[in-house]
Amino acid sequence: TAQKEADEKVAGVGDKVTYTLTVGVPQNVADLQKFIVTDTLPAQVNYDNTAIYTDAAKTTDLAASAYNLTEPPKTGGGNVVVTFNKTDQALTDLAGANVYIVIETIVNDQAVIVDEINNTAKVDYGDDVPDVNIEANTNVGKVEIEKVDKDNTGIKLQGVKFKIYRMVSGNKEYVKDPSNSAIDYEVTTGSDGKASFAGLNNGTYFIEEVLAHGSYQLLKDPVQIEIPDDGDAPNVTVTISNIKKFDLPI
């Protein structure tokens, strides 16, 4: 048997996602043609590290003699391949029990173009035994803004700029641009009045208008939204309206 899980239901760019593969060691492991686990990391994550344990608490490492590890490049996905030395004593002592393969990754800026990060793995026992395929999915948060005239929502406002932030210890913490962590994430509405922030983790965010449409008032207060931590694609849509500029009478 084999199963796989991700420690995050929802993750954003820069977040750490750890995958745990629980793989049963067959009773006849020494007689198998092969015992290989291949985890295919998607392009939306960068590889960090792999560790293999003999217990669910992940406190005891599997002896290095019991396997060979082939690691992928550090960026853009790739295959993590664990080739078990099926006659090694440290492995045969685990016959009938489990090994736990823990793979650590970091979500990269490719996550902004998907709603879900799909990670797959395969356990190969040889030609005489069917492969076991397992997967684990992590959703990616997205916020879509539609900017309209307050008195006529059919009028869409183009060229409006927004930033997005979270409150951390009472202070604003602006989300950084997915492709350049040195600058704040800023989006601009198109002719349809729409713009979107993508690659976000779950939690509470505040959308701040930083540049209004030419003849409209700048939005005074930020708009609060919530990205849920659930199994569905956590996409949030919000309509934000503005009023036109005006002069106070004498």
C-alpha atoms as a PDB file:
ATOM      1  CA  THR A   1       0.000   0.000   0.000  1.00  0.00           C
ATOM      2  CA  ALA A   2       0.995   3.601  -0.456  1.00  0.00           C
ATOM      3  CA  GLN A   3      -0.477   7.014   0.241  1.00  0.00           C
ATOM      4  CA  LYS A   4       0.594  10.601  -0.097  1.00  0.00           C
ATOM      5  CA  GLU A   5      -0.392  13.853   1.553  1.00  0.00           C
ATOM      6  CA  ALA A   6       0.564  17.518   1.457  1.00  0.00           C
ATOM      7  CA  ASP A   7       0.814  19.460   4.707  1.00  0.00           C
ATOM      8  CA  GLU A   8      -0.941  22.493   3.151  1.00  0.00           C
ATOM      9  CA  LYS A   9      -4.420  22.580   1.598  1.00  0.00           C
ATOM     10  CA  VAL A  10      -3.749  26.071   0.231  1.00  0.00           C
ATOM     11  CA  ALA A  11      -0.367  27.664  -0.453  1.00  0.00           C
ATOM     12  CA  GLY A  12       1.020  30.742  -2.172  1.00  0.00           C
ATOM     13  CA  VAL A  13       4.253  31.792  -3.830  1.00  0.00           C
ATOM     14  CA  GLY A  14       7.178  31.468  -1.423  1.00  0.00           C
ATOM     15  CA  ASP A  15       5.364  29.083   0.931  1.00  0.00           C
ATOM     16  CA  LYS A  16       6.845  25.786   2.011  1.00  0.00           C
ATOM     17  CA  VAL A  17       4.895  22.629   1.114  1.00  0.00           C
ATOM     18  CA  THR A  18       5.973  19.275   2.507  1.00  0.00           C
ATOM     19  CA  TYR A  19       4.832  16.018   0.926  1.00  0.00           C
ATOM     20  CA  THR A  20       4.830  12.789   2.932  1.00  0.00           C
ATOM     21  CA  LEU A  21       4.733   9.456   1.124  1.00  0.00           C
ATOM     22  CA  THR A  22       3.810   6.486   3.304  1.00  0.00           C
ATOM     23  CA  VAL A  23       4.943   3.371   1.461  1.00  0.00           C
ATOM     24  CA  GLY A  24       4.455  -0.205   2.623  1.00  0.00           C
ATOM     25  CA  VAL A  25       7.494  -2.483   2.463  1.00  0.00           C
ATOM     26  CA  PRO A  26       6.283  -5.803   0.987  1.00  0.00           C
ATOM     27  CA  GLN A  27       6.769  -8.963   3.021  1.00  0.00           C
ATOM     28  CA  ASN A  28       8.719 -10.442   0.088  1.00  0.00           C
ATOM     29  CA  VAL A  29      10.748  -7.310  -0.585  1.00  0.00           C
ATOM     30  CA  ALA A  30      13.992  -9.244  -1.062  1.00  0.00           C
ATOM     31  CA  ASP A  31      12.393 -11.291  -3.870  1.00  0.00           C
ATOM     32  CA  LEU A  32      11.043  -8.347  -5.875  1.00  0.00           C
ATOM     33  CA  GLN A  33      12.558  -7.366  -9.215  1.00  0.00           C
ATOM     34  CA  LYS A  34      12.807  -3.806  -7.969  1.00  0.00           C
ATOM     35  CA  PHE A  35      11.432  -1.436  -5.347  1.00  0.00           C
ATOM     36  CA  ILE A  36      11.551   2.151  -6.629  1.00  0.00           C
ATOM     37  CA  VAL A  37       9.538   5.206  -5.617  1.00  0.00           C
ATOM     38  CA  THR A  38       9.439   8.098  -8.098  1.00  0.00           C
ATOM     39  CA  ASP A  39       7.878  11.376  -7.027  1.00  0.00           C
ATOM     40  CA  THR A  40       7.249  13.814  -9.877  1.00  0.00           C
ATOM     41  CA  LEU A  41       7.309  17.372  -8.604  1.00  0.00           C
ATOM     42  CA  PRO A  42       5.279  19.871 -10.664  1.00  0.00           C
ATOM     43  CA  ALA A  43       6.795  22.963 -12.265  1.00  0.00           C
ATOM     44  CA  GLN A  44       5.098  25.149  -9.633  1.00  0.00           C
ATOM     45  CA  VAL A  45       7.448  24.050  -6.845  1.00  0.00           C
ATOM     46  CA  ASN A  46      11.193  24.156  -6.288  1.00  0.00           C
ATOM     47  CA  TYR A  47      12.844  21.160  -4.690  1.00  0.00           C
ATOM     48  CA  ASP A  48      14.483  21.596  -1.296  1.00  0.00           C
ATOM     49  CA  ASN A  49      15.183  18.351   0.538  1.00  0.00           C
ATOM     50  CA  THR A  50      14.267  14.668   1.019  1.00  0.00           C
ATOM     51  CA  ALA A  51      14.453  12.556   4.178  1.00  0.00           C
ATOM     52  CA  ILE A  52      13.357   8.942   4.743  1.00  0.00           C
ATOM     53  CA  TYR A  53      12.168   7.628   8.106  1.00  0.00           C
ATOM     54  CA  THR A  54      11.165   4.292   9.591  1.00  0.00           C
ATOM     55  CA  ASP A  55       8.483   5.675  11.923  1.00  0.00           C
ATOM     56  CA  ALA A  56       5.375   7.817  11.512  1.00  0.00           C
ATOM     57  CA  ALA A  57       6.720  10.327  14.034  1.00  0.00           C
ATOM     58  CA  LYS A  58       9.676  10.864  11.678  1.00  0.00           C
ATOM     59  CA  THR A  59      12.297  10.567  14.391  1.00  0.00           C
ATOM     60  CA  THR A  60      14.332   7.613  13.083  1.00  0.00           C
ATOM     61  CA  ASP A  61      16.165   7.822   9.764  1.00  0.00           C
ATOM     62  CA  LEU A  62      16.262   4.840   7.456  1.00  0.00           C
ATOM     63  CA  ALA A  63      19.853   3.637   7.135  1.00  0.00           C
ATOM     64  CA  ALA A  64      21.603   5.188   4.145  1.00  0.00           C
ATOM     65  CA  SER A  65      22.640   1.718   2.975  1.00  0.00           C
ATOM     66  CA  ALA A  66      18.992   0.818   2.364  1.00  0.00           C
ATOM     67  CA  TYR A  67      18.424   3.183  -0.564  1.00  0.00           C
ATOM     68  CA  ASN A  68      19.892   5.417  -3.239  1.00  0.00           C
ATOM     69  CA  LEU A  69      18.444   8.906  -3.684  1.00  0.00           C
ATOM     70  CA  THR A  70      18.390  10.770  -6.998  1.00  0.00           C
ATOM     71  CA  GLU A  71      17.430  14.418  -6.550  1.00  0.00           C
ATOM     72  CA  PRO A  72      16.003  16.823  -9.161  1.00  0.00           C
ATOM     73  CA  PRO A  73      17.241  20.345  -9.960  1.00  0.00           C
ATOM     74  CA  LYS A  74      16.508  22.937  -7.305  1.00  0.00           C
ATOM     75  CA  THR A  75      14.066  24.846  -9.533  1.00  0.00           C
ATOM     76  CA  GLY A  76      11.071  23.986 -11.691  1.00  0.00           C
ATOM     77  CA  GLY A  77       9.982  20.551 -10.498  1.00  0.00           C
ATOM     78  CA  GLY A  78      11.537  17.241 -11.574  1.00  0.00           C
ATOM     79  CA  ASN A  79      11.756  13.684 -10.248  1.00  0.00           C
ATOM     80  CA  VAL A  80      12.769  12.553  -6.779  1.00  0.00           C
ATOM     81  CA  VAL A  81      13.756   8.889  -7.203  1.00  0.00           C
ATOM     82  CA  VAL A  82      14.286   6.559  -4.241  1.00  0.00           C
ATOM     83  CA  THR A  83      15.733   3.206  -5.310  1.00  0.00           C
ATOM     84  CA  PHE A  84      15.568   0.835  -2.360  1.00  0.00           C
ATOM     85  CA  ASN A  85      18.320  -1.761  -1.916  1.00  0.00           C
ATOM     86  CA  LYS A  86      15.828  -4.590  -1.504  1.00  0.00           C
ATOM     87  CA  THR A  87      18.228  -7.054   0.137  1.00  0.00           C
ATOM     88  CA  ASP A  88      19.691  -4.592   2.623  1.00  0.00           C
ATOM     89  CA  GLN A  89      19.142  -5.749   6.210  1.00  0.00           C
ATOM     90  CA  ALA A  90      17.838  -2.355   7.315  1.00  0.00           C
ATOM     91  CA  LEU A  91      15.074  -2.657   4.701  1.00  0.00           C
ATOM     92  CA  THR A  92      14.228  -6.350   5.081  1.00  0.00           C
ATOM     93  CA  ASP A  93      13.805  -5.757   8.824  1.00  0.00           C
ATOM     94  CA  LEU A  94      10.918  -3.429   7.854  1.00  0.00           C
ATOM     95  CA  ALA A  95       9.077  -6.055   5.740  1.00  0.00           C
ATOM     96  CA  GLY A  96       5.371  -5.662   6.452  1.00  0.00           C
ATOM     97  CA  ALA A  97       5.855  -2.158   7.913  1.00  0.00           C
ATOM     98  CA  ASN A  98       6.099   1.308   6.333  1.00  0.00           C
ATOM     99  CA  VAL A  99       8.778   3.734   5.268  1.00  0.00           C
ATOM    100  CA  TYR A 100       8.056   7.475   5.242  1.00  0.00           C
ATOM    101  CA  ILE A 101       9.504   9.623   2.478  1.00  0.00           C
ATOM    102  CA  VAL A 102       9.335  13.350   3.301  1.00  0.00           C
ATOM    103  CA  ILE A 103       9.936  15.789   0.450  1.00  0.00           C
ATOM    104  CA  GLU A 104      10.203  19.524   1.165  1.00  0.00           C
ATOM    105  CA  THR A 105       9.463  22.087  -1.552  1.00  0.00           C
ATOM    106  CA  ILE A 106       8.937  25.827  -2.001  1.00  0.00           C
ATOM    107  CA  VAL A 107       6.114  27.198  -4.172  1.00  0.00           C
ATOM    108  CA  ASN A 108       7.523  29.309  -7.020  1.00  0.00           C
ATOM    109  CA  ASP A 109       6.066  32.039  -9.256  1.00  0.00           C
ATOM    110  CA  GLN A 110       4.681  29.495 -11.747  1.00  0.00           C
ATOM    111  CA  ALA A 111       1.863  28.948  -9.249  1.00  0.00           C
ATOM    112  CA  VAL A 112       0.192  32.207 -10.327  1.00  0.00           C
ATOM    113  CA  ILE A 113      -1.080  30.575 -13.540  1.00  0.00           C
ATOM    114  CA  VAL A 114      -2.754  27.549 -11.905  1.00  0.00           C
ATOM    115  CA  ASP A 115      -5.532  26.935  -9.397  1.00  0.00           C
ATOM    116  CA  GLU A 116      -4.024  23.701  -8.129  1.00  0.00           C
ATOM    117  CA  ILE A 117      -0.551  22.237  -7.654  1.00  0.00           C
ATOM    118  CA  ASN A 118      -0.723  18.532  -8.481  1.00  0.00           C
ATOM    119  CA  ASN A 119       2.020  16.248  -7.180  1.00  0.00           C
ATOM    120  CA  THR A 120       2.122  12.608  -8.322  1.00  0.00           C
ATOM    121  CA  ALA A 121       4.199   9.599  -7.352  1.00  0.00           C
ATOM    122  CA  LYS A 122       4.633   6.000  -8.464  1.00  0.00           C
ATOM    123  CA  VAL A 123       5.819   2.862  -6.669  1.00  0.00           C
ATOM    124  CA  ASP A 124       7.440   0.365  -9.070  1.00  0.00           C
ATOM    125  CA  TYR A 125       7.909  -3.230  -7.877  1.00  0.00           C
ATOM    126  CA  GLY A 126       8.899  -4.730 -11.215  1.00  0.00           C
ATOM    127  CA  ASP A 127       7.212  -6.327 -14.221  1.00  0.00           C
ATOM    128  CA  ASP A 128       5.240  -8.909 -12.231  1.00  0.00           C
ATOM    129  CA  VAL A 129       3.547  -6.442  -9.866  1.00  0.00           C
ATOM    130  CA  PRO A 130       1.349  -3.506 -10.966  1.00  0.00           C
ATOM    131  CA  ASP A 131       2.631  -0.025 -10.218  1.00  0.00           C
ATOM    132  CA  VAL A 132       0.949   1.930  -7.433  1.00  0.00           C
ATOM    133  CA  ASN A 133       0.111   5.545  -8.359  1.00  0.00           C
ATOM    134  CA  ILE A 134      -0.631   8.163  -5.710  1.00  0.00           C
ATOM    135  CA  GLU A 135      -1.074  11.941  -5.699  1.00  0.00           C
ATOM    136  CA  ALA A 136      -1.549  14.947  -3.437  1.00  0.00           C
ATOM    137  CA  ASN A 137      -2.963  18.330  -4.398  1.00  0.00           C
ATOM    138  CA  THR A 138      -2.509  21.819  -2.961  1.00  0.00           C
ATOM    139  CA  ASN A 139      -4.751  24.696  -4.008  1.00  0.00           C
ATOM    140  CA  VAL A 140      -3.507  28.173  -4.881  1.00  0.00           C
ATOM    141  CA  GLY A 141      -5.456  31.259  -3.791  1.00  0.00           C
ATOM    142  CA  LYS A 142      -6.574  33.932  -6.252  1.00  0.00           C
ATOM    143  CA  VAL A 143      -8.475  37.221  -5.921  1.00  0.00           C
ATOM    144  CA  GLU A 144     -10.256  38.734  -8.920  1.00  0.00           C
ATOM    145  CA  ILE A 145     -11.281  42.400  -8.730  1.00  0.00           C
ATOM    146  CA  GLU A 146     -13.924  44.090 -10.851  1.00  0.00           C
ATOM    147  CA  LYS A 147     -13.804  47.889 -10.699  1.00  0.00           C
ATOM    148  CA  VAL A 148     -17.043  49.747 -11.506  1.00  0.00           C
ATOM    149  CA  ASP A 149     -18.816  53.091 -11.210  1.00  0.00           C
ATOM    150  CA  LYS A 150     -20.856  53.188  -8.000  1.00  0.00           C
ATOM    151  CA  ASP A 151     -23.952  54.691  -9.628  1.00  0.00           C
ATOM    152  CA  ASN A 152     -23.731  52.651 -12.822  1.00  0.00           C
ATOM    153  CA  THR A 153     -22.106  49.253 -12.419  1.00  0.00           C
ATOM    154  CA  GLY A 154     -22.201  48.788 -16.175  1.00  0.00           C
ATOM    155  CA  ILE A 155     -19.351  51.299 -16.418  1.00  0.00           C
ATOM    156  CA  LYS A 156     -16.033  49.460 -15.939  1.00  0.00           C
ATOM    157  CA  LEU A 157     -13.065  51.484 -14.753  1.00  0.00           C
ATOM    158  CA  GLN A 158      -9.736  50.922 -16.494  1.00  0.00           C
ATOM    159  CA  GLY A 159      -6.245  51.799 -15.266  1.00  0.00           C
ATOM    160  CA  VAL A 160      -7.024  51.526 -11.536  1.00  0.00           C
ATOM    161  CA  LYS A 161      -4.065  50.210  -9.529  1.00  0.00           C
ATOM    162  CA  PHE A 162      -4.235  48.050  -6.412  1.00  0.00           C
ATOM    163  CA  LYS A 163      -1.870  46.538  -3.871  1.00  0.00           C
ATOM    164  CA  ILE A 164      -2.672  43.789  -1.387  1.00  0.00           C
ATOM    165  CA  TYR A 165      -1.454  43.280   2.165  1.00  0.00           C
ATOM    166  CA  ARG A 166      -1.956  41.308   5.374  1.00  0.00           C
ATOM    167  CA  MET A 167      -1.827  42.522   8.955  1.00  0.00           C
ATOM    168  CA  VAL A 168       1.102  40.990  10.856  1.00  0.00           C
ATOM    169  CA  SER A 169       1.542  41.956  14.518  1.00  0.00           C
ATOM    170  CA  GLY A 170      -0.519  45.083  13.915  1.00  0.00           C
ATOM    171  CA  ASN A 171       1.493  46.209  10.888  1.00  0.00           C
ATOM    172  CA  LYS A 172       0.781  46.152   7.165  1.00  0.00           C
ATOM    173  CA  GLU A 173       2.777  43.496   5.319  1.00  0.00           C
ATOM    174  CA  TYR A 174       2.406  43.941   1.574  1.00  0.00           C
ATOM    175  CA  VAL A 175       2.443  40.839  -0.594  1.00  0.00           C
ATOM    176  CA  LYS A 176       5.520  40.861  -2.809  1.00  0.00           C
ATOM    177  CA  ASP A 177       5.461  40.466  -6.570  1.00  0.00           C
ATOM    178  CA  PRO A 178       5.625  36.733  -7.404  1.00  0.00           C
ATOM    179  CA  SER A 179       8.391  37.299  -9.950  1.00  0.00           C
ATOM    180  CA  ASN A 180      10.324  39.947  -7.999  1.00  0.00           C
ATOM    181  CA  SER A 181      10.354  39.793  -4.207  1.00  0.00           C
ATOM    182  CA  ALA A 182      11.989  43.234  -4.026  1.00  0.00           C
ATOM    183  CA  ILE A 183       8.784  45.069  -4.986  1.00  0.00           C
ATOM    184  CA  ASP A 184       5.151  45.029  -3.861  1.00  0.00           C
ATOM    185  CA  TYR A 185       2.578  43.066  -5.837  1.00  0.00           C
ATOM    186  CA  GLU A 186       0.591  45.640  -7.859  1.00  0.00           C
ATOM    187  CA  VAL A 187      -2.121  45.024 -10.448  1.00  0.00           C
ATOM    188  CA  THR A 188      -3.937  47.317 -12.890  1.00  0.00           C
ATOM    189  CA  THR A 189      -7.486  46.933 -14.203  1.00  0.00           C
ATOM    190  CA  GLY A 190      -7.990  46.382 -17.913  1.00  0.00           C
ATOM    191  CA  SER A 191     -10.718  47.650 -20.236  1.00  0.00           C
ATOM    192  CA  ASP A 192     -13.141  45.188 -18.630  1.00  0.00           C
ATOM    193  CA  GLY A 193     -12.438  46.716 -15.221  1.00  0.00           C
ATOM    194  CA  LYS A 194     -10.815  43.516 -14.023  1.00  0.00           C
ATOM    195  CA  ALA A 195      -7.485  42.657 -12.409  1.00  0.00           C
ATOM    196  CA  SER A 196      -6.368  39.739 -10.286  1.00  0.00           C
ATOM    197  CA  PHE A 197      -3.896  38.775  -7.584  1.00  0.00           C
ATOM    198  CA  ALA A 198      -2.751  35.145  -7.883  1.00  0.00           C
ATOM    199  CA  GLY A 199      -0.444  32.752  -6.070  1.00  0.00           C
ATOM    200  CA  LEU A 200      -1.812  33.577  -2.599  1.00  0.00           C
ATOM    201  CA  ASN A 201      -2.029  31.532   0.587  1.00  0.00           C
ATOM    202  CA  ASN A 202      -5.218  31.284   2.617  1.00  0.00           C
ATOM    203  CA  GLY A 203      -6.079  33.934   5.206  1.00  0.00           C
ATOM    204  CA  THR A 204      -7.331  37.515   5.571  1.00  0.00           C
ATOM    205  CA  TYR A 205      -6.129  40.127   3.075  1.00  0.00           C
ATOM    206  CA  PHE A 206      -6.753  43.811   2.455  1.00  0.00           C
ATOM    207  CA  ILE A 207      -6.991  45.273  -1.050  1.00  0.00           C
ATOM    208  CA  GLU A 208      -5.708  48.847  -1.202  1.00  0.00           C
ATOM    209  CA  GLU A 209      -6.424  51.180  -4.093  1.00  0.00           C
ATOM    210  CA  VAL A 210      -3.296  53.202  -4.879  1.00  0.00           C
ATOM    211  CA  LEU A 211      -4.344  54.926  -8.116  1.00  0.00           C
ATOM    212  CA  ALA A 212      -7.926  55.772  -9.095  1.00  0.00           C
ATOM    213  CA  HIS A 213      -9.411  56.207 -12.563  1.00  0.00           C
ATOM    214  CA  GLY A 214      -8.759  59.807 -13.709  1.00  0.00           C
ATOM    215  CA  SER A 215     -12.136  61.346 -12.862  1.00  0.00           C
ATOM    216  CA  TYR A 216     -12.871  59.259  -9.767  1.00  0.00           C
ATOM    217  CA  GLN A 217     -12.153  59.592  -6.062  1.00  0.00           C
ATOM    218  CA  LEU A 218      -9.419  57.361  -4.608  1.00  0.00           C
ATOM    219  CA  LEU A 219     -10.969  54.676  -2.420  1.00  0.00           C
ATOM    220  CA  LYS A 220     -10.665  55.797   1.197  1.00  0.00           C
ATOM    221  CA  ASP A 221     -10.606  52.421   2.980  1.00  0.00           C
ATOM    222  CA  PRO A 222      -9.135  49.051   2.003  1.00  0.00           C
ATOM    223  CA  VAL A 223     -11.427  46.157   1.081  1.00  0.00           C
ATOM    224  CA  GLN A 224     -11.102  43.114   3.324  1.00  0.00           C
ATOM    225  CA  ILE A 225     -11.370  39.637   1.790  1.00  0.00           C
ATOM    226  CA  GLU A 226     -10.867  36.093   3.074  1.00  0.00           C
ATOM    227  CA  ILE A 227      -9.232  33.234   1.171  1.00  0.00           C
ATOM    228  CA  PRO A 228     -10.551  30.001   2.704  1.00  0.00           C
ATOM    229  CA  ASP A 229      -8.390  27.072   3.767  1.00  0.00           C
ATOM    230  CA  ASP A 230     -10.392  24.284   2.168  1.00  0.00           C
ATOM    231  CA  GLY A 231     -10.260  21.608  -0.500  1.00  0.00           C
ATOM    232  CA  ASP A 232     -11.954  23.707  -3.175  1.00  0.00           C
ATOM    233  CA  ALA A 233     -10.074  26.101  -5.434  1.00  0.00           C
ATOM    234  CA  PRO A 234      -9.993  29.186  -3.170  1.00  0.00           C
ATOM    235  CA  ASN A 235     -10.795  31.831  -5.751  1.00  0.00           C
ATOM    236  CA  VAL A 236     -12.417  35.012  -4.439  1.00  0.00           C
ATOM    237  CA  THR A 237     -14.239  37.559  -6.609  1.00  0.00           C
ATOM    238  CA  VAL A 238     -14.895  41.084  -5.325  1.00  0.00           C
ATOM    239  CA  THR A 239     -16.595  44.107  -6.928  1.00  0.00           C
ATOM    240  CA  ILE A 240     -15.191  47.492  -5.884  1.00  0.00           C
ATOM    241  CA  SER A 241     -17.009  50.722  -6.787  1.00  0.00           C
ATOM    242  CA  ASN A 242     -15.908  54.375  -6.870  1.00  0.00           C
ATOM    243  CA  ILE A 243     -17.661  57.723  -7.101  1.00  0.00           C
ATOM    244  CA  LYS A 244     -16.602  60.589  -9.345  1.00  0.00           C
ATOM    245  CA  LYS A 245     -14.659  63.530  -7.993  1.00  0.00           C
ATOM    246  CA  PHE A 246     -16.709  66.521  -6.876  1.00  0.00           C
ATOM    247  CA  ASP A 247     -16.212  70.080  -5.601  1.00  0.00           C
ATOM    248  CA  LEU A 248     -17.765  71.216  -2.341  1.00  0.00           C
ATOM    249  CA  PRO A 249     -20.032  74.282  -2.737  1.00  0.00           C
ATOM    250  CA  ILE A 250     -18.917  77.631  -1.288  1.00  0.00           C
END
